[in-house]
PDB file of N, CA and C in Angstrom:
ATOM      1  N   MET A   1      68.377  74.053 109.792  1.00  0.00           N
ATOM      2  CA  MET A   1      68.731  74.888 110.093  1.00  0.00           C
ATOM      3  C   MET A   1      69.781  75.133 109.918  1.00  0.00           C
ATOM      4  N   ASP A   2      70.541  76.211 109.311  1.00  0.00           N
ATOM      5  CA  ASP A   2      72.000  76.341 108.780  1.00  0.00           C
ATOM      6  C   ASP A   2      73.256  75.805 110.554  1.00  0.00           C
ATOM      7  N   GLU A   3      73.721  75.108 110.317  1.00  0.00           N
ATOM      8  CA  GLU A   3      74.096  75.000 111.897  1.00  0.00           C
ATOM      9  C   GLU A   3      75.799  76.144 111.974  1.00  0.00           C
ATOM     10  N   VAL A   4      76.036  76.597 112.925  1.00  0.00           N
ATOM     11  CA  VAL A   4      77.146  77.450 112.816  1.00  0.00           C
ATOM     12  C   VAL A   4      78.261  76.620 112.868  1.00  0.00           C
ATOM     13  N   LYS A   5      79.542  77.393 112.256  1.00  0.00           N
ATOM     14  CA  LYS A   5      80.572  76.440 112.234  1.00  0.00           C
ATOM     15  C   LYS A   5      81.557  77.489 113.100  1.00  0.00           C
ATOM     16  N   THR A   6      81.977  75.891 113.600  1.00  0.00           N
ATOM     17  CA  THR A   6      83.504  76.854 114.149  1.00  0.00           C
ATOM     18  C   THR A   6      84.369  77.533 113.804  1.00  0.00           C
ATOM     19  N   GLU A   7      84.935  77.964 114.472  1.00  0.00           N
ATOM     20  CA  GLU A   7      86.567  79.147 113.490  1.00  0.00           C
ATOM     21  C   GLU A   7      87.750  77.843 113.019  1.00  0.00           C
ATOM     22  N   LYS A   8      87.273  76.673 113.439  1.00  0.00           N
ATOM     23  CA  LYS A   8      88.656  75.228 113.056  1.00  0.00           C
ATOM     24  C   LYS A   8      87.579  75.074 111.046  1.00  0.00           C
ATOM     25  N   GLU A   9      86.351  74.900 111.527  1.00  0.00           N
ATOM     26  CA  GLU A   9      85.834  74.855 110.432  1.00  0.00           C
ATOM     27  C   GLU A   9      85.712  75.569 109.511  1.00  0.00           C
ATOM     28  N   LEU A  10      85.591  76.682 109.503  1.00  0.00           N
ATOM     29  CA  LEU A  10      86.276  77.551 108.478  1.00  0.00           C
ATOM     30  C   LEU A  10      86.931  78.046 107.459  1.00  0.00           C
ATOM     31  N   VAL A  11      86.786  77.654 105.741  1.00  0.00           N
ATOM     32  CA  VAL A  11      87.795  77.886 105.179  1.00  0.00           C
ATOM     33  C   VAL A  11      86.952  79.443 104.353  1.00  0.00           C
ATOM     34  N   PHE A  12      88.408  80.390 104.736  1.00  0.00           N
ATOM     35  CA  PHE A  12      87.983  81.187 103.953  1.00  0.00           C
ATOM     36  C   PHE A  12      88.801  81.680 102.771  1.00  0.00           C
ATOM     37  N   GLU A  13      88.676  82.291 101.155  1.00  0.00           N
ATOM     38  CA  GLU A  13      89.532  81.754 100.108  1.00  0.00           C
ATOM     39  C   GLU A  13      90.186  83.558 100.021  1.00  0.00           C
ATOM     40  N   VAL A  14      90.745  83.603  99.022  1.00  0.00           N
ATOM     41  CA  VAL A  14      91.224  85.100  99.458  1.00  0.00           C
ATOM     42  C   VAL A  14      90.648  86.371  98.479  1.00  0.00           C
ATOM     43  N   THR A  15      89.556  85.367  98.106  1.00  0.00           N
ATOM     44  CA  THR A  15      88.648  86.103  97.324  1.00  0.00           C
ATOM     45  C   THR A  15      87.713  86.790  98.543  1.00  0.00           C
ATOM     46  N   SER A  16      87.244  86.196 100.122  1.00  0.00           N
ATOM     47  CA  SER A  16      86.186  86.553 100.666  1.00  0.00           C
ATOM     48  C   SER A  16      87.480  87.538 101.406  1.00  0.00           C
ATOM     49  N   VAL A  17      88.670  86.992 102.058  1.00  0.00           N
ATOM     50  CA  VAL A  17      89.705  87.795 102.215  1.00  0.00           C
ATOM     51  C   VAL A  17      89.550  90.109 101.377  1.00  0.00           C
ATOM     52  N   ALA A  18      89.469  89.724 100.356  1.00  0.00           N
ATOM     53  CA  ALA A  18      89.247  90.726  98.852  1.00  0.00           C
ATOM     54  C   ALA A  18      88.123  91.963  99.561  1.00  0.00           C
ATOM     55  N   VAL A  19      86.665  90.360  99.522  1.00  0.00           N
ATOM     56  CA  VAL A  19      85.429  91.249  99.798  1.00  0.00           C
ATOM     57  C   VAL A  19      85.662  91.802 100.767  1.00  0.00           C
ATOM     58  N   VAL A  20      86.042  91.743 102.084  1.00  0.00           N
ATOM     59  CA  VAL A  20      85.802  92.654 103.599  1.00  0.00           C
ATOM     60  C   VAL A  20      86.055  93.575 103.433  1.00  0.00           C
ATOM     61  N   ALA A  21      88.014  92.957 102.894  1.00  0.00           N
ATOM     62  CA  ALA A  21      88.836  94.522 102.711  1.00  0.00           C
ATOM     63  C   ALA A  21      87.949  95.684 101.757  1.00  0.00           C
ATOM     64  N   HIS A  22      87.684  95.350 100.663  1.00  0.00           N
ATOM     65  CA  HIS A  22      86.300  96.314 100.232  1.00  0.00           C
ATOM     66  C   HIS A  22      86.035  97.106 100.366  1.00  0.00           C
ATOM     67  N   GLU A  23      84.619  95.825 101.216  1.00  0.00           N
ATOM     68  CA  GLU A  23      83.985  96.731 102.213  1.00  0.00           C
ATOM     69  C   GLU A  23      84.108  97.714 102.825  1.00  0.00           C
ATOM     70  N   THR A  24      84.852  96.826 103.407  1.00  0.00           N
ATOM     71  CA  THR A  24      85.624  98.049 104.776  1.00  0.00           C
ATOM     72  C   THR A  24      86.038  99.439 104.369  1.00  0.00           C
ATOM     73  N   ASN A  25      86.926  98.927 103.450  1.00  0.00           N
ATOM     74  CA  ASN A  25      86.622 100.993 102.380  1.00  0.00           C
ATOM     75  C   ASN A  25      85.957 101.394 101.562  1.00  0.00           C
ATOM     76  N   LYS A  26      84.713 100.767 101.727  1.00  0.00           N
ATOM     77  CA  LYS A  26      83.644 100.917 100.913  1.00  0.00           C
ATOM     78  C   LYS A  26      83.152 101.897 102.203  1.00  0.00           C
ATOM     79  N   ALA A  27      82.718 100.820 102.606  1.00  0.00           N
ATOM     80  CA  ALA A  27      82.313 101.715 104.567  1.00  0.00           C
ATOM     81  C   ALA A  27      83.115 102.823 104.859  1.00  0.00           C
ATOM     82  N   TYR A  28      84.566 103.027 105.077  1.00  0.00           N
ATOM     83  CA  TYR A  28      84.984 104.485 104.908  1.00  0.00           C
ATOM     84  C   TYR A  28      85.053 105.338 103.675  1.00  0.00           C
ATOM     85  N   CYS A  29      84.857 105.023 103.068  1.00  0.00           N
ATOM     86  CA  CYS A  29      84.757 106.273 102.047  1.00  0.00           C
ATOM     87  C   CYS A  29      83.197 106.520 101.649  1.00  0.00           C
ATOM     88  N   LEU A  30      82.346 106.173 102.456  1.00  0.00           N
ATOM     89  CA  LEU A  30      81.287 107.100 103.306  1.00  0.00           C
ATOM     90  C   LEU A  30      81.450 107.778 104.106  1.00  0.00           C
ATOM     91  N   LEU A  31      81.946 107.279 104.874  1.00  0.00           N
ATOM     92  CA  LEU A  31      81.584 108.026 106.384  1.00  0.00           C
ATOM     93  C   LEU A  31      82.848 109.807 105.770  1.00  0.00           C
ATOM     94  N   ILE A  32      83.767 109.322 104.949  1.00  0.00           N
ATOM     95  CA  ILE A  32      83.922 110.730 104.776  1.00  0.00           C
ATOM     96  C   ILE A  32      83.822 111.682 103.448  1.00  0.00           C
ATOM     97  N   GLY A  33      82.924 110.837 103.296  1.00  0.00           N
ATOM     98  CA  GLY A  33      82.581 111.780 102.319  1.00  0.00           C
ATOM     99  C   GLY A  33      82.255 111.456 100.649  1.00  0.00           C
ATOM    100  N   ASP A  34      83.164 109.953 100.479  1.00  0.00           N
ATOM    101  CA  ASP A  34      82.426 109.612  98.744  1.00  0.00           C
ATOM    102  C   ASP A  34      81.825 108.542  98.810  1.00  0.00           C
ATOM    103  N   ASP A  35      80.591 108.984  98.058  1.00  0.00           N
ATOM    104  CA  ASP A  35      80.089 107.355  97.865  1.00  0.00           C
ATOM    105  C   ASP A  35      80.093 106.762  96.488  1.00  0.00           C
ATOM    106  N   SER A  36      81.258 107.061  95.713  1.00  0.00           N
ATOM    107  CA  SER A  36      81.288 106.711  94.528  1.00  0.00           C
ATOM    108  C   SER A  36      81.551 105.025  94.608  1.00  0.00           C
ATOM    109  N   GLN A  37      81.682 104.558  95.540  1.00  0.00           N
ATOM    110  CA  GLN A  37      82.821 103.153  95.886  1.00  0.00           C
ATOM    111  C   GLN A  37      81.323 101.574  95.810  1.00  0.00           C
ATOM    112  N   LEU A  38      81.346 101.279  94.428  1.00  0.00           N
ATOM    113  CA  LEU A  38      80.122  99.867  94.765  1.00  0.00           C
ATOM    114  C   LEU A  38      80.618  98.580  95.637  1.00  0.00           C
ATOM    115  N   PRO A  39      78.979  98.349  96.126  1.00  0.00           N
ATOM    116  CA  PRO A  39      79.074  97.063  96.830  1.00  0.00           C
ATOM    117  C   PRO A  39      79.925  96.137  95.870  1.00  0.00           C
ATOM    118  N   TRP A  40      80.304  95.075  96.248  1.00  0.00           N
ATOM    119  CA  TRP A  40      81.603  93.982  95.904  1.00  0.00           C
ATOM    120  C   TRP A  40      81.172  93.757  94.889  1.00  0.00           C
ATOM    121  N   ASN A  41      79.564  92.547  94.368  1.00  0.00           N
ATOM    122  CA  ASN A  41      78.523  92.180  93.171  1.00  0.00           C
ATOM    123  C   ASN A  41      77.960  92.960  92.589  1.00  0.00           C
ATOM    124  N   ASP A  42      78.867  94.427  92.574  1.00  0.00           N
ATOM    125  CA  ASP A  42      78.514  95.428  91.985  1.00  0.00           C
ATOM    126  C   ASP A  42      79.525  96.225  91.227  1.00  0.00           C
ATOM    127  N   ALA A  43      81.201  95.732  91.654  1.00  0.00           N
ATOM    128  CA  ALA A  43      82.299  96.891  91.251  1.00  0.00           C
ATOM    129  C   ALA A  43      83.123  96.141  90.016  1.00  0.00           C
ATOM    130  N   PRO A  44      83.330  97.266  89.502  1.00  0.00           N
ATOM    131  CA  PRO A  44      83.779  95.995  88.380  1.00  0.00           C
ATOM    132  C   PRO A  44      84.677  95.408  88.029  1.00  0.00           C
ATOM    133  N   GLN A  45      84.894  94.852  87.626  1.00  0.00           N
ATOM    134  CA  GLN A  45      85.689  93.754  87.562  1.00  0.00           C
ATOM    135  C   GLN A  45      87.355  93.744  87.988  1.00  0.00           C
ATOM    136  N   TRP A  46      88.435  94.774  87.234  1.00  0.00           N
ATOM    137  CA  TRP A  46      89.131  95.141  87.852  1.00  0.00           C
ATOM    138  C   TRP A  46      89.110  95.962  89.407  1.00  0.00           C
ATOM    139  N   GLN A  47      88.039  96.413  89.111  1.00  0.00           N
ATOM    140  CA  GLN A  47      88.325  96.518  90.818  1.00  0.00           C
ATOM    141  C   GLN A  47      88.331  95.233  91.811  1.00  0.00           C
ATOM    142  N   ARG A  48      87.631  94.236  91.943  1.00  0.00           N
ATOM    143  CA  ARG A  48      87.543  93.021  92.565  1.00  0.00           C
ATOM    144  C   ARG A  48      89.184  92.650  92.115  1.00  0.00           C
ATOM    145  N   ASP A  49      89.657  92.707  91.083  1.00  0.00           N
ATOM    146  CA  ASP A  49      90.885  91.914  90.263  1.00  0.00           C
ATOM    147  C   ASP A  49      91.809  92.449  91.131  1.00  0.00           C
ATOM    148  N   SER A  50      91.472  93.853  91.594  1.00  0.00           N
ATOM    149  CA  SER A  50      92.327  94.922  92.469  1.00  0.00           C
ATOM    150  C   SER A  50      92.835  94.640  93.599  1.00  0.00           C
ATOM    151  N   ALA A  51      91.906  94.394  94.140  1.00  0.00           N
ATOM    152  CA  ALA A  51      91.677  94.010  95.806  1.00  0.00           C
ATOM    153  C   ALA A  51      92.099  92.464  95.737  1.00  0.00           C
ATOM    154  N   ILE A  52      91.275  91.053  95.340  1.00  0.00           N
ATOM    155  CA  ILE A  52      92.490  90.061  95.437  1.00  0.00           C
ATOM    156  C   ILE A  52      93.692  90.020  94.939  1.00  0.00           C
ATOM    157  N   ASN A  53      94.359  90.630  94.071  1.00  0.00           N
ATOM    158  CA  ASN A  53      95.992  91.090  94.593  1.00  0.00           C
ATOM    159  C   ASN A  53      96.920  91.751  95.977  1.00  0.00           C
ATOM    160  N   GLY A  54      95.547  93.007  96.027  1.00  0.00           N
ATOM    161  CA  GLY A  54      96.320  93.083  96.624  1.00  0.00           C
ATOM    162  C   GLY A  54      96.126  92.929  99.306  1.00  0.00           C
ATOM    163  N   VAL A  55      95.270  91.381  98.195  1.00  0.00           N
ATOM    164  CA  VAL A  55      95.503  90.185  99.397  1.00  0.00           C
ATOM    165  C   VAL A  55      96.766  89.626  99.267  1.00  0.00           C
ATOM    166  N   GLN A  56      95.969  89.103  97.955  1.00  0.00           N
ATOM    167  CA  GLN A  56      97.875  87.870  97.370  1.00  0.00           C
ATOM    168  C   GLN A  56      99.015  88.635  98.111  1.00  0.00           C
ATOM    169  N   PHE A  57      99.068  89.996  97.660  1.00  0.00           N
ATOM    170  CA  PHE A  57     100.105  90.150  97.941  1.00  0.00           C
ATOM    171  C   PHE A  57     100.748  90.776  99.469  1.00  0.00           C
ATOM    172  N   HIS A  58      99.409  90.845 100.280  1.00  0.00           N
ATOM    173  CA  HIS A  58     100.298  90.874 101.818  1.00  0.00           C
ATOM    174  C   HIS A  58     100.082  89.126 102.588  1.00  0.00           C
ATOM    175  N   ILE A  59      99.815  88.340 101.651  1.00  0.00           N
ATOM    176  CA  ILE A  59      99.831  87.069 102.264  1.00  0.00           C
ATOM    177  C   ILE A  59     101.709  86.585 101.215  1.00  0.00           C
ATOM    178  N   ASP A  60     101.828  86.277 100.448  1.00  0.00           N
ATOM    179  CA  ASP A  60     102.867  86.733 100.033  1.00  0.00           C
ATOM    180  C   ASP A  60     104.015  87.538 100.480  1.00  0.00           C
ATOM    181  N   ASN A  61     104.069  88.543 101.054  1.00  0.00           N
ATOM    182  CA  ASN A  61     104.478  89.463 102.018  1.00  0.00           C
ATOM    183  C   ASN A  61     103.999  90.188 102.460  1.00  0.00           C
ATOM    184  N   PRO A  62     104.629  89.711 104.034  1.00  0.00           N
ATOM    185  CA  PRO A  62     103.204  89.142 105.088  1.00  0.00           C
ATOM    186  C   PRO A  62     104.015  90.565 106.331  1.00  0.00           C
ATOM    187  N   ASP A  63     105.574  90.249 105.708  1.00  0.00           N
ATOM    188  CA  ASP A  63     106.152  92.047 106.671  1.00  0.00           C
ATOM    189  C   ASP A  63     105.512  93.971 105.387  1.00  0.00           C
ATOM    190  N   ALA A  64     104.960  93.137 104.131  1.00  0.00           N
ATOM    191  CA  ALA A  64     104.953  94.717 103.668  1.00  0.00           C
ATOM    192  C   ALA A  64     103.826  95.588 104.519  1.00  0.00           C
ATOM    193  N   GLY A  65     104.318  97.063 104.646  1.00  0.00           N
ATOM    194  CA  GLY A  65     102.955  97.605 105.725  1.00  0.00           C
ATOM    195  C   GLY A  65     102.373  98.048 104.768  1.00  0.00           C
ATOM    196  N   CYS A  66     101.681  99.528 105.027  1.00  0.00           N
ATOM    197  CA  CYS A  66     100.499 100.550 103.839  1.00  0.00           C
ATOM    198  C   CYS A  66     101.661 100.819 102.738  1.00  0.00           C
ATOM    199  N   ALA A  67     102.830 100.959 102.857  1.00  0.00           N
ATOM    200  CA  ALA A  67     103.378 101.519 101.625  1.00  0.00           C
ATOM    201  C   ALA A  67     104.103 100.784 100.848  1.00  0.00           C
ATOM    202  N   GLY A  68     103.735  99.924 101.223  1.00  0.00           N
ATOM    203  CA  GLY A  68     104.038  98.709 100.152  1.00  0.00           C
ATOM    204  C   GLY A  68     103.382  98.352  99.346  1.00  0.00           C
ATOM    205  N   SER A  69     102.016  97.850 100.211  1.00  0.00           N
ATOM    206  CA  SER A  69     100.713  97.499  99.211  1.00  0.00           C
ATOM    207  C   SER A  69     100.028  98.523  98.566  1.00  0.00           C
ATOM    208  N   HIS A  70     100.655 100.246  98.403  1.00  0.00           N
ATOM    209  CA  HIS A  70     100.880 100.628  97.527  1.00  0.00           C
ATOM    210  C   HIS A  70     101.558 100.962  96.583  1.00  0.00           C
ATOM    211  N   GLU A  71     103.119 100.692  96.745  1.00  0.00           N
ATOM    212  CA  GLU A  71     103.905 100.635  95.810  1.00  0.00           C
ATOM    213  C   GLU A  71     103.542  99.440  94.816  1.00  0.00           C
ATOM    214  N   ASN A  72     103.018  98.215  95.418  1.00  0.00           N
ATOM    215  CA  ASN A  72     102.210  97.039  94.854  1.00  0.00           C
ATOM    216  C   ASN A  72     101.199  97.373  94.051  1.00  0.00           C
ATOM    217  N   TRP A  73     100.114  98.406  94.457  1.00  0.00           N
ATOM    218  CA  TRP A  73      98.821  98.213  93.323  1.00  0.00           C
ATOM    219  C   TRP A  73      99.677  99.273  92.481  1.00  0.00           C
ATOM    220  N   LEU A  74     100.243 100.651  93.014  1.00  0.00           N
ATOM    221  CA  LEU A  74     100.907 101.014  91.607  1.00  0.00           C
ATOM    222  C   LEU A  74     101.358 100.581  90.288  1.00  0.00           C
ATOM    223  N   LYS A  75     102.157  99.198  91.004  1.00  0.00           N
ATOM    224  CA  LYS A  75     103.548  98.795  89.973  1.00  0.00           C
ATOM    225  C   LYS A  75     101.759  98.336  88.923  1.00  0.00           C
ATOM    226  N   VAL A  76     101.230  97.408  89.661  1.00  0.00           N
ATOM    227  CA  VAL A  76     100.216  96.340  88.818  1.00  0.00           C
ATOM    228  C   VAL A  76      99.190  97.918  88.370  1.00  0.00           C
ATOM    229  N   LYS A  77      98.746  98.906  88.782  1.00  0.00           N
ATOM    230  CA  LYS A  77      98.417 100.001  87.492  1.00  0.00           C
ATOM    231  C   LYS A  77      99.165 100.218  86.935  1.00  0.00           C
ATOM    232  N   GLU A  78     100.104 100.767  86.754  1.00  0.00           N
ATOM    233  CA  GLU A  78     101.208 100.272  85.512  1.00  0.00           C
ATOM    234  C   GLU A  78     101.620  99.811  84.838  1.00  0.00           C
ATOM    235  N   GLU A  79     101.170  98.688  85.069  1.00  0.00           N
ATOM    236  CA  GLU A  79     101.346  97.666  84.171  1.00  0.00           C
ATOM    237  C   GLU A  79      99.584  97.287  83.015  1.00  0.00           C
ATOM    238  N   GLU A  80      98.975  97.850  84.284  1.00  0.00           N
ATOM    239  CA  GLU A  80      97.760  97.812  83.041  1.00  0.00           C
ATOM    240  C   GLU A  80      97.298  99.137  82.651  1.00  0.00           C
ATOM    241  N   GLY A  81      98.033 100.386  82.478  1.00  0.00           N
ATOM    242  CA  GLY A  81      97.937 100.881  81.627  1.00  0.00           C
ATOM    243  C   GLY A  81      97.359 102.373  82.584  1.00  0.00           C
ATOM    244  N   TRP A  82      97.673 101.948  83.638  1.00  0.00           N
ATOM    245  CA  TRP A  82      97.459 103.783  83.794  1.00  0.00           C
ATOM    246  C   TRP A  82      98.035 104.254  83.987  1.00  0.00           C
ATOM    247  N   LYS A  83      97.088 105.873  84.786  1.00  0.00           N
ATOM    248  CA  LYS A  83      98.800 106.792  85.058  1.00  0.00           C
ATOM    249  C   LYS A  83      97.859 107.890  85.473  1.00  0.00           C
ATOM    250  N   TYR A  84      98.780 109.034  85.909  1.00  0.00           N
ATOM    251  CA  TYR A  84      98.021 109.535  86.952  1.00  0.00           C
ATOM    252  C   TYR A  84      96.792 111.252  86.640  1.00  0.00           C
ATOM    253  N   GLY A  85      96.118 110.885  87.013  1.00  0.00           N
ATOM    254  CA  GLY A  85      93.927 111.778  86.708  1.00  0.00           C
ATOM    255  C   GLY A  85      93.646 112.253  87.896  1.00  0.00           C
ATOM    256  N   GLU A  86      94.131 114.070  87.730  1.00  0.00           N
ATOM    257  CA  GLU A  86      93.175 114.152  89.034  1.00  0.00           C
ATOM    258  C   GLU A  86      91.744 113.697  89.292  1.00  0.00           C
ATOM    259  N   VAL A  87      91.274 113.532  89.156  1.00  0.00           N
ATOM    260  CA  VAL A  87      89.641 112.332  88.776  1.00  0.00           C
ATOM    261  C   VAL A  87      89.687 111.176  88.063  1.00  0.00           C
ATOM    262  N   LYS A  88      89.140 109.873  89.328  1.00  0.00           N
ATOM    263  CA  LYS A  88      89.212 108.319  88.779  1.00  0.00           C
ATOM    264  C   LYS A  88      88.209 108.351  87.273  1.00  0.00           C
ATOM    265  N   ASP A  89      88.735 107.951  86.303  1.00  0.00           N
ATOM    266  CA  ASP A  89      88.654 107.708  85.626  1.00  0.00           C
ATOM    267  C   ASP A  89      88.590 106.634  84.792  1.00  0.00           C
ATOM    268  N   ALA A  90      87.724 105.203  84.660  1.00  0.00           N
ATOM    269  CA  ALA A  90      88.233 103.803  84.598  1.00  0.00           C
ATOM    270  C   ALA A  90      88.851 103.721  83.710  1.00  0.00           C
ATOM    271  N   GLU A  91      87.653 104.136  82.400  1.00  0.00           N
ATOM    272  CA  GLU A  91      88.208 104.419  81.049  1.00  0.00           C
ATOM    273  C   GLU A  91      88.673 105.685  80.293  1.00  0.00           C
ATOM    274  N   LYS A  92      89.398 106.683  80.985  1.00  0.00           N
ATOM    275  CA  LYS A  92      90.800 106.762  81.245  1.00  0.00           C
ATOM    276  C   LYS A  92      92.221 106.373  80.738  1.00  0.00           C
ATOM    277  N   LYS A  93      92.120 105.335  82.230  1.00  0.00           N
ATOM    278  CA  LYS A  93      93.198 104.477  83.083  1.00  0.00           C
ATOM    279  C   LYS A  93      93.801 105.526  83.287  1.00  0.00           C
ATOM    280  N   GLU A  94      92.865 107.147  84.828  1.00  0.00           N
ATOM    281  CA  GLU A  94      93.664 107.821  85.330  1.00  0.00           C
ATOM    282  C   GLU A  94      93.399 107.949  86.794  1.00  0.00           C
ATOM    283  N   HIS A  95      93.515 108.013  87.204  1.00  0.00           N
ATOM    284  CA  HIS A  95      93.522 107.900  89.451  1.00  0.00           C
ATOM    285  C   HIS A  95      94.431 108.921  90.082  1.00  0.00           C
ATOM    286  N   PRO A  96      94.113 109.568  91.101  1.00  0.00           N
ATOM    287  CA  PRO A  96      94.523 110.518  91.780  1.00  0.00           C
ATOM    288  C   PRO A  96      95.602 110.058  92.285  1.00  0.00           C
ATOM    289  N   CYS A  97      95.461 108.900  93.325  1.00  0.00           N
ATOM    290  CA  CYS A  97      96.117 108.064  93.849  1.00  0.00           C
ATOM    291  C   CYS A  97      97.143 107.556  92.601  1.00  0.00           C
ATOM    292  N   PHE A  98      97.570 107.712  91.492  1.00  0.00           N
ATOM    293  CA  PHE A  98      98.813 107.266  90.978  1.00  0.00           C
ATOM    294  C   PHE A  98     100.046 108.355  91.391  1.00  0.00           C
ATOM    295  N   VAL A  99     100.497 107.986  92.652  1.00  0.00           N
ATOM    296  CA  VAL A  99     101.544 109.384  93.396  1.00  0.00           C
ATOM    297  C   VAL A  99     102.054 108.253  94.211  1.00  0.00           C
ATOM    298  N   PRO A 100     103.519 108.678  94.628  1.00  0.00           N
ATOM    299  CA  PRO A 100     104.426 107.443  95.142  1.00  0.00           C
ATOM    300  C   PRO A 100     103.409 107.355  96.550  1.00  0.00           C
ATOM    301  N   TYR A 101     103.640 106.393  97.735  1.00  0.00           N
ATOM    302  CA  TYR A 101     102.753 106.544  98.984  1.00  0.00           C
ATOM    303  C   TYR A 101     103.217 108.035 100.051  1.00  0.00           C
ATOM    304  N   ASP A 102     104.609 108.179  99.860  1.00  0.00           N
ATOM    305  CA  ASP A 102     104.889 110.015 100.655  1.00  0.00           C
ATOM    306  C   ASP A 102     104.127 110.824 100.142  1.00  0.00           C
ATOM    307  N   GLU A 103     103.349 111.284  99.487  1.00  0.00           N
ATOM    308  CA  GLU A 103     102.097 111.614  97.875  1.00  0.00           C
ATOM    309  C   GLU A 103     101.040 111.637  98.776  1.00  0.00           C
ATOM    310  N   LEU A 104     100.807 110.546  99.293  1.00  0.00           N
ATOM    311  CA  LEU A 104      98.888 110.351  99.005  1.00  0.00           C
ATOM    312  C   LEU A 104      98.237 111.413 100.460  1.00  0.00           C
ATOM    313  N   PRO A 105      97.149 111.904  99.871  1.00  0.00           N
ATOM    314  CA  PRO A 105      96.770 111.962 101.087  1.00  0.00           C
ATOM    315  C   PRO A 105      96.471 111.867 102.444  1.00  0.00           C
ATOM    316  N   GLU A 106      96.249 111.544 103.353  1.00  0.00           N
ATOM    317  CA  GLU A 106      96.246 111.058 104.539  1.00  0.00           C
ATOM    318  C   GLU A 106      94.614 110.048 104.599  1.00  0.00           C
ATOM    319  N   GLN A 107      93.776 110.800 103.724  1.00  0.00           N
ATOM    320  CA  GLN A 107      92.757 110.079 104.052  1.00  0.00           C
ATOM    321  C   GLN A 107      92.696 108.564 103.090  1.00  0.00           C
ATOM    322  N   GLN A 108      93.625 109.056 101.988  1.00  0.00           N
ATOM    323  CA  GLN A 108      94.159 108.004 100.805  1.00  0.00           C
ATOM    324  C   GLN A 108      94.894 106.651 101.663  1.00  0.00           C
ATOM    325  N   LYS A 109      95.846 107.266 102.860  1.00  0.00           N
ATOM    326  CA  LYS A 109      96.909 106.791 103.381  1.00  0.00           C
ATOM    327  C   LYS A 109      96.003 105.878 104.664  1.00  0.00           C
ATOM    328  N   VAL A 110      95.225 105.928 105.381  1.00  0.00           N
ATOM    329  CA  VAL A 110      94.347 105.299 105.904  1.00  0.00           C
ATOM    330  C   VAL A 110      93.142 103.811 105.386  1.00  0.00           C
ATOM    331  N   LYS A 111      92.983 104.519 103.955  1.00  0.00           N
ATOM    332  CA  LYS A 111      92.948 103.366 103.291  1.00  0.00           C
ATOM    333  C   LYS A 111      93.456 102.071 103.038  1.00  0.00           C
ATOM    334  N   ASP A 112      95.058 103.029 103.032  1.00  0.00           N
ATOM    335  CA  ASP A 112      96.121 100.928 102.432  1.00  0.00           C
ATOM    336  C   ASP A 112      96.126 100.679 104.134  1.00  0.00           C
ATOM    337  N   ALA A 113      95.592 101.604 105.367  1.00  0.00           N
ATOM    338  CA  ALA A 113      95.672 100.943 106.788  1.00  0.00           C
ATOM    339  C   ALA A 113      94.918 100.034 107.014  1.00  0.00           C
ATOM    340  N   LEU A 114      93.646 100.684 106.070  1.00  0.00           N
ATOM    341  CA  LEU A 114      92.148  99.590 107.465  1.00  0.00           C
ATOM    342  C   LEU A 114      92.465  98.412 105.964  1.00  0.00           C
ATOM    343  N   PHE A 115      92.891  97.996 104.326  1.00  0.00           N
ATOM    344  CA  PHE A 115      92.970  97.335 103.615  1.00  0.00           C
ATOM    345  C   PHE A 115      93.946  96.188 104.309  1.00  0.00           C
ATOM    346  N   VAL A 116      95.685  96.819 104.843  1.00  0.00           N
ATOM    347  CA  VAL A 116      96.448  96.008 104.942  1.00  0.00           C
ATOM    348  C   VAL A 116      95.611  95.307 106.780  1.00  0.00           C
ATOM    349  N   GLY A 117      95.569  96.317 107.569  1.00  0.00           N
ATOM    350  CA  GLY A 117      94.539  95.571 108.554  1.00  0.00           C
ATOM    351  C   GLY A 117      93.427  94.125 108.771  1.00  0.00           C
ATOM    352  N   VAL A 118      92.374  94.629 107.627  1.00  0.00           N
ATOM    353  CA  VAL A 118      91.678  93.699 107.680  1.00  0.00           C
ATOM    354  C   VAL A 118      92.371  92.343 107.293  1.00  0.00           C
ATOM    355  N   VAL A 119      93.430  92.089 105.734  1.00  0.00           N
ATOM    356  CA  VAL A 119      94.568  91.032 105.648  1.00  0.00           C
ATOM    357  C   VAL A 119      95.130  89.795 106.575  1.00  0.00           C
ATOM    358  N   ARG A 120      95.658  91.336 107.555  1.00  0.00           N
ATOM    359  CA  ARG A 120      96.801  90.064 107.705  1.00  0.00           C
ATOM    360  C   ARG A 120      95.780  89.895 109.529  1.00  0.00           C
ATOM    361  N   ALA A 121      94.980  90.324 110.101  1.00  0.00           N
ATOM    362  CA  ALA A 121      93.944  90.270 110.756  1.00  0.00           C
ATOM    363  C   ALA A 121      92.723  88.507 110.566  1.00  0.00           C
ATOM    364  N   LEU A 122      92.115  88.447 109.117  1.00  0.00           N
ATOM    365  CA  LEU A 122      91.768  87.296 108.545  1.00  0.00           C
ATOM    366  C   LEU A 122      92.354  86.165 107.857  1.00  0.00           C
ATOM    367  N   LYS A 123      94.008  86.655 107.616  1.00  0.00           N
ATOM    368  CA  LYS A 123      94.736  85.621 106.707  1.00  0.00           C
ATOM    369  C   LYS A 123      95.040  84.724 107.526  1.00  0.00           C
ATOM    370  N   VAL A 124      94.322  85.019 109.038  1.00  0.00           N
ATOM    371  CA  VAL A 124      94.899  83.183 109.869  1.00  0.00           C
ATOM    372  C   VAL A 124      93.807  82.286 110.274  1.00  0.00           C
ATOM    373  N   LEU A 125      92.487  82.931 109.559  1.00  0.00           N
ATOM    374  CA  LEU A 125      91.209  81.967 109.071  1.00  0.00           C
ATOM    375  C   LEU A 125      91.978  81.160 107.392  1.00  0.00           C
ATOM    376  N   LEU A 126      92.008  82.361 106.303  1.00  0.00           N
ATOM    377  CA  LEU A 126      92.857  81.186 105.634  1.00  0.00           C
ATOM    378  C   LEU A 126      93.372  79.587 105.176  1.00  0.00           C
ATOM    379  N   GLN A 127      93.149  78.535 104.336  1.00  0.00           N
ATOM    380  CA  GLN A 127      93.564  77.184 104.896  1.00  0.00           C
ATOM    381  C   GLN A 127      93.957  77.191 102.352  1.00  0.00           C
TER     382      GLN A 127
END
């Protein structure tokens, strides 16, 4: 039987935090009627890489808030060739959230807040 590890014995990696943040956002999306988000293990690599990048951004920039998180996401997406599109389409690299943070719908701002909250809550466990 596996022994239960104490908090001091737990070692989290950036990817572990990204998985929790991704799954939290996936659960929120289901709550608001969006069933398009796949579980971490089934998500495309670009989506997993995006979550990992977001976690690393918040570790490196601990005072960055939701707007900073979104601006970082926009910058990376732009570098990867993404642009605005009314519907998310990975093949065309189009995304409806490819707008400044202030122009995001409130439901999307909540996703950013959840992501930032998860990272802040779990980064104390990173070693």
